[in-house]
């Protein structure tokens, strides 16, 4: 296992999948420490452009020879076992020429480098809350480091390397990755059923969050309105701060006004109970809760109330979090990362509360196991929309061993649209098949969406491409 002592004797580091949003902040931090870095990826992205501007060599396509004489090879969880670079890296490790680590192991090590690592976890809202908190620190003038699961426009990326003792780190529970981290302050947003192919049940998820809470060295900030979050911190002997809508929480909120994407609310802190007016520019009551979590963490770290107000007021969302893509011929197109039924439910309820004629939900299911296990919940969440359009499932790290296909979801949703495709082609997950399926959806929506409608693409895969394809299609009509 890699540790700080080993890192002292390493000069050359190679990243497999260097263009990923989760890799980029680690690359920045390692680059700031003076390591010689190379990397590889399969698709050109804006992130790769940013990596190249740092003077880092990037190989397109993944081949065994790309790892060169790297002494440390870092890969993401999405890299399959048969990846040629990973195979070569494992062989180099076996021969004692290199160390091989998954991204979560390295990120866990990095969190130990900071005296104030604020680790934001929870089933939903991690990226938005981490982004809000980062924006607050920046507007307060704190030169922090951060690792966020999405792109924050103000830093033009998913992370940064700063000089202060503070780090904001999005901490995901997937396969217990967050248990490798070293939180000084743990922010627990909520605890819900997800990644059940690994955890099996909600009880095991709560246990993992409890272990994470126990690892915290200073303070636990958690959702006082969420029963599972209470269970997750039960028996943990650390300072605890609660947030939520209920006035019994240490930080609570009363919503004053909603207009468009802007929500105004008052914050009450038990320490003085003086109401303070705040505003956020991302819709939905769930985002007020996210803001409360960020406020509580910022106050714990000494940020002024004025700095918090300024930070929230200058935050207009992270990329792929209710992000407006375009408005063409009166049709508004928005993209959102929501991929769990609860997230979809919150996002669609927020969308339905806005001033649109109809709401179209264009959903790309992510992984076969999640689609199978949470099928009933997906049906309930997607029926909130006026029309649901279901794309083919993005398998990502999984093989379709159970024969799960998009039509199994679509046929259960009232007023849904889906397209029957060749299952063999779908299982191969080829770029050509995906583009064809996306275009089928785009053509249907373009022919049927009307002025005043909202079309929102949903999913943690690459469904955002469909949003851009739709905007282009409408412009050509």
Protein backbone atom coordinates (compact mmCIF):
# COMPACT_ATOMS: atom_id res chain seq x y z
CA UNK A 1 0.00 0.00 0.00
CA UNK A 2 1.30 3.44 -0.97
CA UNK A 3 2.19 5.83 1.85
CA UNK A 4 3.91 9.17 2.36
CA UNK A 5 7.33 7.60 2.89
CA UNK A 6 7.13 5.78 -0.45
CA UNK A 7 5.98 8.97 -2.20
CA UNK A 8 9.15 10.75 -1.06
CA UNK A 9 11.18 8.45 -3.33
CA UNK A 10 8.89 8.70 -6.37
CA UNK A 11 9.47 11.16 -9.21
CA UNK A 12 7.39 9.89 -12.15
CA UNK A 13 3.62 9.30 -11.99
CA UNK A 14 1.29 8.03 -14.72
CA UNK A 15 -2.52 8.46 -14.66
CA UNK A 16 -4.74 5.99 -16.54
CA UNK A 17 -7.86 7.99 -17.41
CA UNK A 18 -6.23 11.35 -16.74
CA UNK A 19 -9.12 13.25 -18.35
CA UNK A 20 -11.66 12.24 -15.72
CA UNK A 21 -13.11 14.97 -13.49
CA UNK A 22 -12.08 12.97 -10.42
CA UNK A 23 -8.50 12.63 -11.64
CA UNK A 24 -7.90 16.26 -12.59
CA UNK A 25 -7.64 17.69 -9.04
CA UNK A 26 -5.22 14.93 -8.04
CA UNK A 27 -3.13 15.72 -11.12
CA UNK A 28 -3.10 19.40 -10.09
CA UNK A 29 -2.00 18.60 -6.54
CA UNK A 30 0.73 16.19 -7.68
CA UNK A 31 1.88 18.70 -10.30
CA UNK A 32 2.14 21.42 -7.62
CA UNK A 33 4.36 19.05 -5.60
CA UNK A 34 6.81 18.77 -8.51
CA UNK A 35 6.12 15.23 -9.75
CA UNK A 36 6.82 14.41 -13.40
CA UNK A 37 3.45 13.35 -14.81
CA UNK A 38 2.13 11.54 -17.89
CA UNK A 39 -1.36 10.23 -18.57
CA UNK A 40 -3.67 8.60 -21.05
CA UNK A 41 -7.33 8.69 -22.04
CA UNK A 42 -9.65 7.56 -24.81
CA UNK A 43 -11.66 10.73 -25.43
CA UNK A 44 -10.71 14.34 -26.01
CA UNK A 45 -12.20 16.64 -23.33
CA UNK A 46 -11.77 20.17 -22.03
CA UNK A 47 -10.04 18.63 -19.03
CA UNK A 48 -7.37 17.12 -21.26
CA UNK A 49 -6.75 20.55 -22.76
CA UNK A 50 -6.22 21.92 -19.24
CA UNK A 51 -3.87 19.03 -18.42
CA UNK A 52 -1.78 19.68 -21.53
CA UNK A 53 -1.54 23.38 -20.66
CA UNK A 54 0.21 22.27 -17.46
CA UNK A 55 2.95 20.78 -19.66
CA UNK A 56 1.85 17.19 -19.09
CA UNK A 57 2.17 14.61 -21.88
CA UNK A 58 -1.12 12.89 -22.68
CA UNK A 59 -1.42 9.71 -24.75
CA UNK A 60 -4.65 9.17 -26.66
CA UNK A 61 -5.68 5.53 -26.50
CA UNK A 62 -4.49 3.15 -23.82
CA UNK A 63 -1.53 0.92 -24.62
CA UNK A 64 0.89 -1.01 -22.43
CA UNK A 65 3.88 1.09 -23.45
CA UNK A 66 2.26 4.33 -22.25
CA UNK A 67 3.23 3.74 -18.63
CA UNK A 68 6.91 4.00 -19.59
CA UNK A 69 9.17 4.12 -16.55
CA UNK A 70 6.54 5.56 -14.20
CA UNK A 71 7.15 4.61 -10.57
CA UNK A 72 3.51 5.14 -9.57
CA UNK A 73 0.48 4.37 -11.74
CA UNK A 74 -2.91 5.71 -10.67
CA UNK A 75 -6.15 4.48 -12.25
CA UNK A 76 -9.87 5.13 -11.80
CA UNK A 77 -12.54 2.65 -10.72
CA UNK A 78 -13.95 2.80 -14.26
CA UNK A 79 -10.82 1.12 -15.69
CA UNK A 80 -11.59 -2.52 -16.46
CA UNK A 81 -9.27 -5.35 -15.44
CA UNK A 82 -8.43 -6.13 -19.10
CA UNK A 83 -7.17 -2.59 -19.79
CA UNK A 84 -3.70 -2.99 -21.40
CA UNK A 85 -2.12 -0.20 -19.36
CA UNK A 86 -3.46 -1.58 -16.10
CA UNK A 87 -2.19 -5.06 -17.01
CA UNK A 88 1.24 -3.61 -17.78
CA UNK A 89 1.18 -1.60 -14.56
CA UNK A 90 0.31 -4.68 -12.49
CA UNK A 91 3.19 -6.54 -14.10
CA UNK A 92 5.56 -3.68 -13.28
CA UNK A 93 4.34 -3.80 -9.69
CA UNK A 94 4.86 -7.56 -9.54
CA UNK A 95 8.43 -7.07 -10.71
CA UNK A 96 9.03 -4.35 -8.12
CA UNK A 97 9.38 -1.54 -10.68
CA UNK A 98 6.28 0.46 -9.74
CA UNK A 99 3.40 0.94 -7.35
CA UNK A 100 -0.20 0.74 -8.62
CA UNK A 101 -3.06 2.51 -6.84
CA UNK A 102 -6.72 3.18 -7.45
CA UNK A 103 -7.72 6.86 -7.35
CA UNK A 104 -9.53 6.55 -4.02
CA UNK A 105 -6.37 5.26 -2.30
CA UNK A 106 -4.38 8.27 -3.46
CA UNK A 107 -7.14 10.74 -2.64
CA UNK A 108 -7.38 9.22 0.82
CA UNK A 109 -3.66 9.75 1.28
CA UNK A 110 -3.93 13.36 0.09
CA UNK A 111 -6.66 14.22 2.62
CA UNK A 112 -4.14 13.39 5.34
CA UNK A 113 -1.86 16.18 4.09
CA UNK A 114 -4.25 18.91 5.30
CA UNK A 115 -5.00 20.02 8.86
CA UNK A 116 -8.59 20.94 7.94
CA UNK A 117 -9.88 18.36 5.48
CA UNK A 118 -13.61 19.00 5.14
CA UNK A 119 -14.98 15.81 3.62
CA UNK A 120 -18.50 16.09 2.19
CA UNK A 121 -20.38 12.81 1.95
CA UNK A 122 -23.96 11.64 1.47
CA UNK A 123 -26.03 9.79 -1.09
CA UNK A 124 -27.19 13.01 -2.76
CA UNK A 125 -25.91 16.57 -3.12
CA UNK A 126 -22.17 16.02 -2.63
CA UNK A 127 -21.01 17.95 -5.68
CA UNK A 128 -23.36 20.89 -5.21
CA UNK A 129 -22.49 21.25 -1.52
CA UNK A 130 -18.75 20.84 -2.12
CA UNK A 131 -18.99 23.46 -4.87
CA UNK A 132 -20.97 25.88 -2.69
CA UNK A 133 -18.48 25.50 0.15
CA UNK A 134 -15.53 25.97 -2.20
CA UNK A 135 -17.11 29.14 -3.62
CA UNK A 136 -17.68 30.47 -0.10
CA UNK A 137 -14.04 29.90 0.87
CA UNK A 138 -12.81 31.52 -2.34
CA UNK A 139 -14.96 34.60 -1.87
CA UNK A 140 -13.68 34.82 1.72
CA UNK A 141 -10.14 34.87 0.27
CA UNK A 142 -9.07 31.41 1.45
CA UNK A 143 -6.49 29.74 -0.82
CA UNK A 144 -7.91 26.25 -0.36
CA UNK A 145 -7.40 22.96 -2.14
CA UNK A 146 -10.47 21.11 -3.34
CA UNK A 147 -11.60 17.96 -5.08
CA UNK A 148 -15.12 18.19 -6.50
CA UNK A 149 -17.07 15.62 -8.51
CA UNK A 150 -18.06 18.16 -11.15
CA UNK A 151 -16.80 21.31 -12.80
CA UNK A 152 -17.07 24.57 -10.86
CA UNK A 153 -17.07 27.51 -13.32
CA UNK A 154 -15.19 29.88 -10.98
CA UNK A 155 -12.13 27.59 -10.95
CA UNK A 156 -12.77 26.27 -14.48
CA UNK A 157 -12.37 22.71 -13.32
CA UNK A 158 -13.15 20.08 -10.71
CA UNK A 159 -10.43 21.04 -8.26
CA UNK A 160 -7.47 23.21 -7.36
CA UNK A 161 -4.28 23.08 -5.35
CA UNK A 162 -3.97 25.83 -2.74
CA UNK A 163 -1.50 26.88 -0.05
CA UNK A 164 -3.77 26.93 3.01
CA UNK A 165 -4.45 24.15 5.50
CA UNK A 166 -8.04 23.78 4.25
CA UNK A 167 -9.19 21.16 1.79
CA UNK A 168 -12.75 20.52 0.61
CA UNK A 169 -13.09 16.96 -0.62
CA UNK A 170 -16.16 15.31 -2.09
CA UNK A 171 -16.25 11.88 -0.48
CA UNK A 172 -18.15 9.09 -2.20
CA UNK A 173 -19.36 5.97 -0.43
CA UNK A 174 -19.11 3.82 -3.59
CA UNK A 175 -17.43 0.53 -2.57
CA UNK A 176 -16.48 2.20 0.73
CA UNK A 177 -14.01 4.50 -1.01
CA UNK A 178 -14.60 7.25 1.55
CA UNK A 179 -13.34 4.99 4.32
CA UNK A 180 -9.84 5.53 2.89
CA UNK A 181 -10.09 9.27 3.62
CA UNK A 182 -8.92 11.21 6.69
CA UNK A 183 -11.70 13.69 7.50
CA UNK A 184 -11.13 16.42 10.06
CA UNK A 185 -14.65 17.72 9.49
CA UNK A 186 -17.24 15.30 8.12
CA UNK A 187 -20.34 16.69 6.43
CA UNK A 188 -23.10 14.07 6.10
CA UNK A 189 -25.86 15.34 3.80
CA UNK A 190 -28.15 12.30 3.86
CA UNK A 191 -27.98 8.51 3.86
CA UNK A 192 -30.10 6.64 1.33
CA UNK A 193 -30.14 3.29 -0.49
CA UNK A 194 -27.68 3.28 -3.41
CA UNK A 195 -24.87 1.08 -4.72
CA UNK A 196 -26.85 -1.91 -3.49
CA UNK A 197 -24.88 -4.24 -5.76
CA UNK A 198 -22.13 -3.67 -3.18
CA UNK A 199 -23.86 -2.76 0.10
CA UNK A 200 -26.85 -5.14 -0.32
CA UNK A 201 -29.07 -3.18 2.10
CA UNK A 202 -29.52 0.19 3.83
CA UNK A 203 -28.27 -1.19 7.14
CA UNK A 204 -24.83 -1.84 5.65
CA UNK A 205 -24.78 1.65 4.14
CA UNK A 206 -25.53 3.20 7.53
CA UNK A 207 -22.72 1.13 9.08
CA UNK A 208 -20.24 2.46 6.52
CA UNK A 209 -21.27 6.05 7.20
CA UNK A 210 -20.86 5.33 10.90
CA UNK A 211 -17.29 4.14 10.32
CA UNK A 212 -16.64 7.30 8.28
CA UNK A 213 -18.01 9.44 11.11
CA UNK A 214 -15.76 7.65 13.61
CA UNK A 215 -12.71 8.52 11.49
CA UNK A 216 -13.44 12.24 11.89
CA UNK A 217 -10.91 14.05 14.08
CA UNK A 218 -12.79 17.28 14.89
CA UNK A 219 -16.46 17.71 14.06
CA UNK A 220 -19.42 16.01 12.36
CA UNK A 221 -21.97 18.19 10.58
CA UNK A 222 -25.05 16.19 9.64
CA UNK A 223 -28.64 16.44 8.41
CA UNK A 224 -30.75 16.61 11.55
CA UNK A 225 -33.94 16.03 9.54
CA UNK A 226 -32.71 12.71 8.16
CA UNK A 227 -33.33 9.63 10.31
CA UNK A 228 -30.60 7.57 8.64
CA UNK A 229 -28.04 10.33 9.19
CA UNK A 230 -28.86 10.25 12.91
CA UNK A 231 -28.29 6.49 12.89
CA UNK A 232 -24.98 6.99 11.07
CA UNK A 233 -23.56 9.18 13.83
CA UNK A 234 -25.06 7.27 16.73
CA UNK A 235 -22.43 6.42 19.33
CA UNK A 236 -19.72 8.59 17.74
CA UNK A 237 -18.05 10.70 20.44
CA UNK A 238 -17.21 13.82 18.43
CA UNK A 239 -18.57 17.36 18.33
CA UNK A 240 -21.80 17.34 16.32
CA UNK A 241 -23.58 20.14 14.48
CA UNK A 242 -26.97 19.63 12.83
CA UNK A 243 -28.67 21.39 9.95
CA UNK A 244 -32.17 21.11 8.47
CA UNK A 245 -35.54 22.81 8.14
CA UNK A 246 -36.63 21.85 11.63
CA UNK A 247 -35.96 24.65 14.13
CA UNK A 248 -34.44 22.13 16.57
CA UNK A 249 -31.30 21.97 14.38
CA UNK A 250 -28.22 24.07 15.07
CA UNK A 251 -28.66 25.64 11.63
CA UNK A 252 -32.16 25.91 10.18
CA UNK A 253 -33.84 27.77 7.34
CA UNK A 254 -37.16 29.31 6.41
CA UNK A 255 -37.80 29.77 2.69
CA UNK A 256 -39.01 33.29 1.91
CA UNK A 257 -39.41 33.46 -1.84
CA UNK A 258 -38.87 31.43 -5.01
CA UNK A 259 -38.59 33.10 -8.38
CA UNK A 260 -37.12 31.32 -11.38
CA UNK A 261 -33.89 29.62 -10.34
CA UNK A 262 -33.45 31.92 -7.35
CA UNK A 263 -34.53 30.98 -3.82
CA UNK A 264 -34.37 33.45 -0.92
CA UNK A 265 -34.34 32.12 2.63
CA UNK A 266 -33.49 33.06 6.19
CA UNK A 267 -30.87 31.16 8.18
CA UNK A 268 -31.14 30.73 11.93
CA UNK A 269 -28.13 29.70 14.00
CA UNK A 270 -28.84 28.47 17.53
CA UNK A 271 -25.81 30.31 18.87
CA UNK A 272 -27.45 33.70 18.34
CA UNK A 273 -30.75 33.03 16.49
CA UNK A 274 -30.35 36.28 14.56
CA UNK A 275 -31.99 35.65 11.17
CA UNK A 276 -29.72 36.18 8.20
CA UNK A 277 -31.10 36.50 4.71
CA UNK A 278 -29.41 34.39 2.02
CA UNK A 279 -30.10 33.56 -1.62
CA UNK A 280 -29.08 30.72 -3.92
CA UNK A 281 -29.41 30.51 -7.69
CA UNK A 282 -30.11 26.78 -8.00
CA UNK A 283 -33.72 25.59 -7.63
CA UNK A 284 -35.31 23.20 -5.17
CA UNK A 285 -35.71 22.88 -1.41
CA UNK A 286 -33.00 20.21 -1.44
CA UNK A 287 -30.50 22.86 -2.51
CA UNK A 288 -31.46 25.01 0.48
CA UNK A 289 -30.46 22.03 2.63
CA UNK A 290 -27.19 21.76 0.69
CA UNK A 291 -26.60 25.46 1.33
CA UNK A 292 -27.26 24.99 5.06
CA UNK A 293 -24.64 22.23 5.18
CA UNK A 294 -22.13 24.49 3.44
CA UNK A 295 -22.99 27.37 5.79
CA UNK A 296 -22.48 25.21 8.88
CA UNK A 297 -19.10 23.96 7.63
CA UNK A 298 -17.97 27.44 6.63
CA UNK A 299 -18.92 28.89 10.01
CA UNK A 300 -17.08 26.08 11.77
CA UNK A 301 -13.97 27.02 9.79
CA UNK A 302 -14.34 30.69 10.74
CA UNK A 303 -15.82 32.19 7.59
CA UNK A 304 -17.73 35.45 8.15
CA UNK A 305 -21.48 35.67 7.56
CA UNK A 306 -20.80 38.26 4.88
CA UNK A 307 -18.36 35.91 3.17
CA UNK A 308 -21.00 33.17 3.20
CA UNK A 309 -23.66 35.49 1.77
CA UNK A 310 -21.30 36.66 -0.95
CA UNK A 311 -20.20 33.11 -1.79
CA UNK A 312 -23.73 31.74 -2.11
CA UNK A 313 -24.85 34.76 -4.12
CA UNK A 314 -22.02 34.24 -6.62
CA UNK A 315 -22.71 30.50 -6.98
CA UNK A 316 -24.81 29.63 -10.02
CA UNK A 317 -24.38 25.88 -9.86
CA UNK A 318 -21.73 23.37 -10.78
CA UNK A 319 -21.61 22.04 -14.31
CA UNK A 320 -24.26 19.34 -14.84
CA UNK A 321 -26.27 20.47 -11.80
CA UNK A 322 -29.45 21.97 -13.29
CA UNK A 323 -27.18 23.62 -15.85
CA UNK A 324 -28.90 25.60 -18.56
CA UNK A 325 -27.52 24.43 -21.91
CA UNK A 326 -29.56 26.58 -24.29
CA UNK A 327 -32.95 28.03 -25.14
CA UNK A 328 -33.99 27.47 -28.74
CA UNK A 329 -37.36 28.37 -30.29
CA UNK A 330 -38.84 28.77 -26.82
CA UNK A 331 -37.65 25.35 -25.63
CA UNK A 332 -35.36 25.51 -22.59
CA UNK A 333 -32.74 22.74 -22.35
CA UNK A 334 -31.20 21.91 -18.98
CA UNK A 335 -28.75 19.15 -17.98
CA UNK A 336 -28.49 17.52 -14.56
CA UNK A 337 -26.32 14.79 -13.03
CA UNK A 338 -29.23 13.18 -11.11
CA UNK A 339 -28.98 9.41 -11.52
CA UNK A 340 -30.52 7.99 -8.33
CA UNK A 341 -34.34 7.92 -8.00
CA UNK A 342 -34.29 10.30 -5.02
CA UNK A 343 -32.13 12.78 -6.91
CA UNK A 344 -34.37 12.54 -9.96
CA UNK A 345 -37.43 13.06 -7.77
CA UNK A 346 -35.95 16.22 -6.19
CA UNK A 347 -34.78 17.59 -9.54
CA UNK A 348 -38.09 16.97 -11.33
CA UNK A 349 -40.14 18.39 -8.45
CA UNK A 350 -37.98 21.52 -8.60
CA UNK A 351 -38.46 21.66 -12.38
CA UNK A 352 -42.23 21.24 -12.09
CA UNK A 353 -42.29 24.15 -9.64
CA UNK A 354 -40.87 26.49 -12.27
CA UNK A 355 -42.85 28.40 -14.87
CA UNK A 356 -42.80 25.94 -17.79
CA UNK A 357 -45.67 24.45 -19.77
CA UNK A 358 -44.38 20.87 -19.81
CA UNK A 359 -41.33 19.12 -18.35
CA UNK A 360 -39.55 16.46 -20.42
CA UNK A 361 -37.25 14.12 -18.49
CA UNK A 362 -34.61 12.49 -20.71
CA UNK A 363 -33.01 9.79 -18.58
CA UNK A 364 -29.93 7.70 -19.27
CA UNK A 365 -29.86 4.81 -16.76
CA UNK A 366 -26.36 4.17 -15.39
CA UNK A 367 -25.28 0.58 -14.70
CA UNK A 368 -27.48 -2.47 -15.12
CA UNK A 369 -27.44 -3.40 -11.43
CA UNK A 370 -28.76 -0.02 -10.26
CA UNK A 371 -31.44 -0.05 -12.95
CA UNK A 372 -32.57 -3.54 -11.91
CA UNK A 373 -32.48 -3.06 -8.16
CA UNK A 374 -34.13 0.39 -8.11
CA UNK A 375 -36.53 -0.15 -11.04
CA UNK A 376 -39.69 0.60 -9.03
CA UNK A 377 -38.20 3.78 -7.61
CA UNK A 378 -37.09 4.99 -11.05
CA UNK A 379 -40.63 4.50 -12.34
CA UNK A 380 -42.12 6.59 -9.52
CA UNK A 381 -39.54 9.37 -9.90
CA UNK A 382 -39.73 9.66 -13.69
CA UNK A 383 -43.53 9.77 -13.70
CA UNK A 384 -43.24 13.22 -12.10
CA UNK A 385 -42.34 14.56 -15.56
CA UNK A 386 -44.99 15.18 -18.19
CA UNK A 387 -43.04 12.97 -20.58
CA UNK A 388 -40.10 10.66 -19.84
CA UNK A 389 -37.69 9.71 -22.61
CA UNK A 390 -35.48 6.71 -21.78
CA UNK A 391 -32.16 6.14 -23.55
CA UNK A 392 -30.22 2.88 -23.65
CA UNK A 393 -28.53 1.96 -20.37
CA UNK A 394 -24.90 3.01 -19.95
CA UNK A 395 -23.21 -0.09 -18.54
CA UNK A 396 -19.93 1.62 -17.59
CA UNK A 397 -17.98 -0.76 -15.37
CA UNK A 398 -20.55 -3.59 -15.65
CA UNK A 399 -21.44 -6.36 -18.07
CA UNK A 400 -25.14 -6.95 -18.78
CA UNK A 401 -25.29 -10.37 -17.14
CA UNK A 402 -28.96 -10.04 -16.15
CA UNK A 403 -30.29 -8.90 -19.54
CA UNK A 404 -31.59 -5.51 -18.38
CA UNK A 405 -32.65 -3.09 -21.14
CA UNK A 406 -34.15 0.39 -21.38
CA UNK A 407 -37.55 -0.83 -22.56
CA UNK A 408 -38.03 -2.72 -19.28
CA UNK A 409 -38.08 0.65 -17.54
CA UNK A 410 -39.82 2.59 -20.28
CA UNK A 411 -42.77 0.25 -20.67
CA UNK A 412 -43.67 0.74 -16.99
CA UNK A 413 -43.72 4.55 -17.08
CA UNK A 414 -46.87 6.32 -18.14
CA UNK A 415 -46.33 8.70 -21.08
CA UNK A 416 -42.79 7.48 -21.71
CA UNK A 417 -40.82 7.25 -24.94
CA UNK A 418 -38.15 4.64 -25.63
CA UNK A 419 -36.76 2.94 -28.70
CA UNK A 420 -36.39 -0.80 -29.20
CA UNK A 421 -32.85 -1.59 -30.30
CA UNK A 422 -30.75 -4.61 -31.15
CA UNK A 423 -29.77 -5.98 -27.75
CA UNK A 424 -26.50 -7.36 -29.03
CA UNK A 425 -25.45 -3.93 -30.27
CA UNK A 426 -26.57 -2.29 -27.04
CA UNK A 427 -24.53 -4.75 -24.95
CA UNK A 428 -21.39 -3.89 -26.90
CA UNK A 429 -21.80 -0.25 -25.81
CA UNK A 430 -20.33 1.04 -29.07
CA UNK A 431 -20.10 4.77 -29.71
CA UNK A 432 -22.01 4.34 -32.98
CA UNK A 433 -24.96 2.60 -31.30
CA UNK A 434 -25.09 5.20 -28.53
CA UNK A 435 -25.05 8.11 -31.00
CA UNK A 436 -27.81 6.42 -33.04
CA UNK A 437 -29.96 5.95 -29.92
CA UNK A 438 -29.35 9.54 -28.81
CA UNK A 439 -30.37 10.81 -32.24
CA UNK A 440 -33.59 8.79 -32.11
CA UNK A 441 -34.45 10.57 -28.87
CA UNK A 442 -33.38 13.97 -30.21
CA UNK A 443 -35.52 13.61 -33.35
CA UNK A 444 -38.59 12.69 -31.32
CA UNK A 445 -38.21 15.55 -28.84
CA UNK A 446 -37.43 18.10 -31.55
CA UNK A 447 -40.62 17.15 -33.41
CA UNK A 448 -42.83 17.23 -30.32
CA UNK A 449 -41.47 19.80 -27.85
CA UNK A 450 -43.31 23.09 -27.87
CA UNK A 451 -42.55 26.67 -26.97
CA UNK A 452 -42.52 27.05 -23.18
CA UNK A 453 -41.37 23.47 -22.53
CA UNK A 454 -38.41 22.45 -20.38
CA UNK A 455 -36.28 19.50 -21.52
CA UNK A 456 -33.97 18.20 -18.82
CA UNK A 457 -31.40 15.47 -19.46
CA UNK A 458 -30.68 13.29 -16.42
CA UNK A 459 -27.89 10.84 -15.62
CA UNK A 460 -24.25 10.56 -14.55
CA UNK A 461 -23.06 9.18 -17.91
CA UNK A 462 -22.71 11.17 -21.11
CA UNK A 463 -26.37 12.13 -21.62
CA UNK A 464 -25.25 15.77 -21.55
CA UNK A 465 -24.19 15.20 -25.16
CA UNK A 466 -27.82 14.56 -26.03
CA UNK A 467 -28.76 17.96 -24.58
CA UNK A 468 -26.27 19.66 -26.89
CA UNK A 469 -27.42 17.56 -29.86
CA UNK A 470 -31.01 18.63 -29.21
CA UNK A 471 -30.08 22.31 -29.11
CA UNK A 472 -28.28 21.96 -32.43
CA UNK A 473 -31.19 20.05 -33.98
CA UNK A 474 -33.71 22.70 -32.95
CA UNK A 475 -31.53 25.44 -34.41
CA UNK A 476 -31.50 23.63 -37.76
CA UNK A 477 -35.27 23.23 -37.93
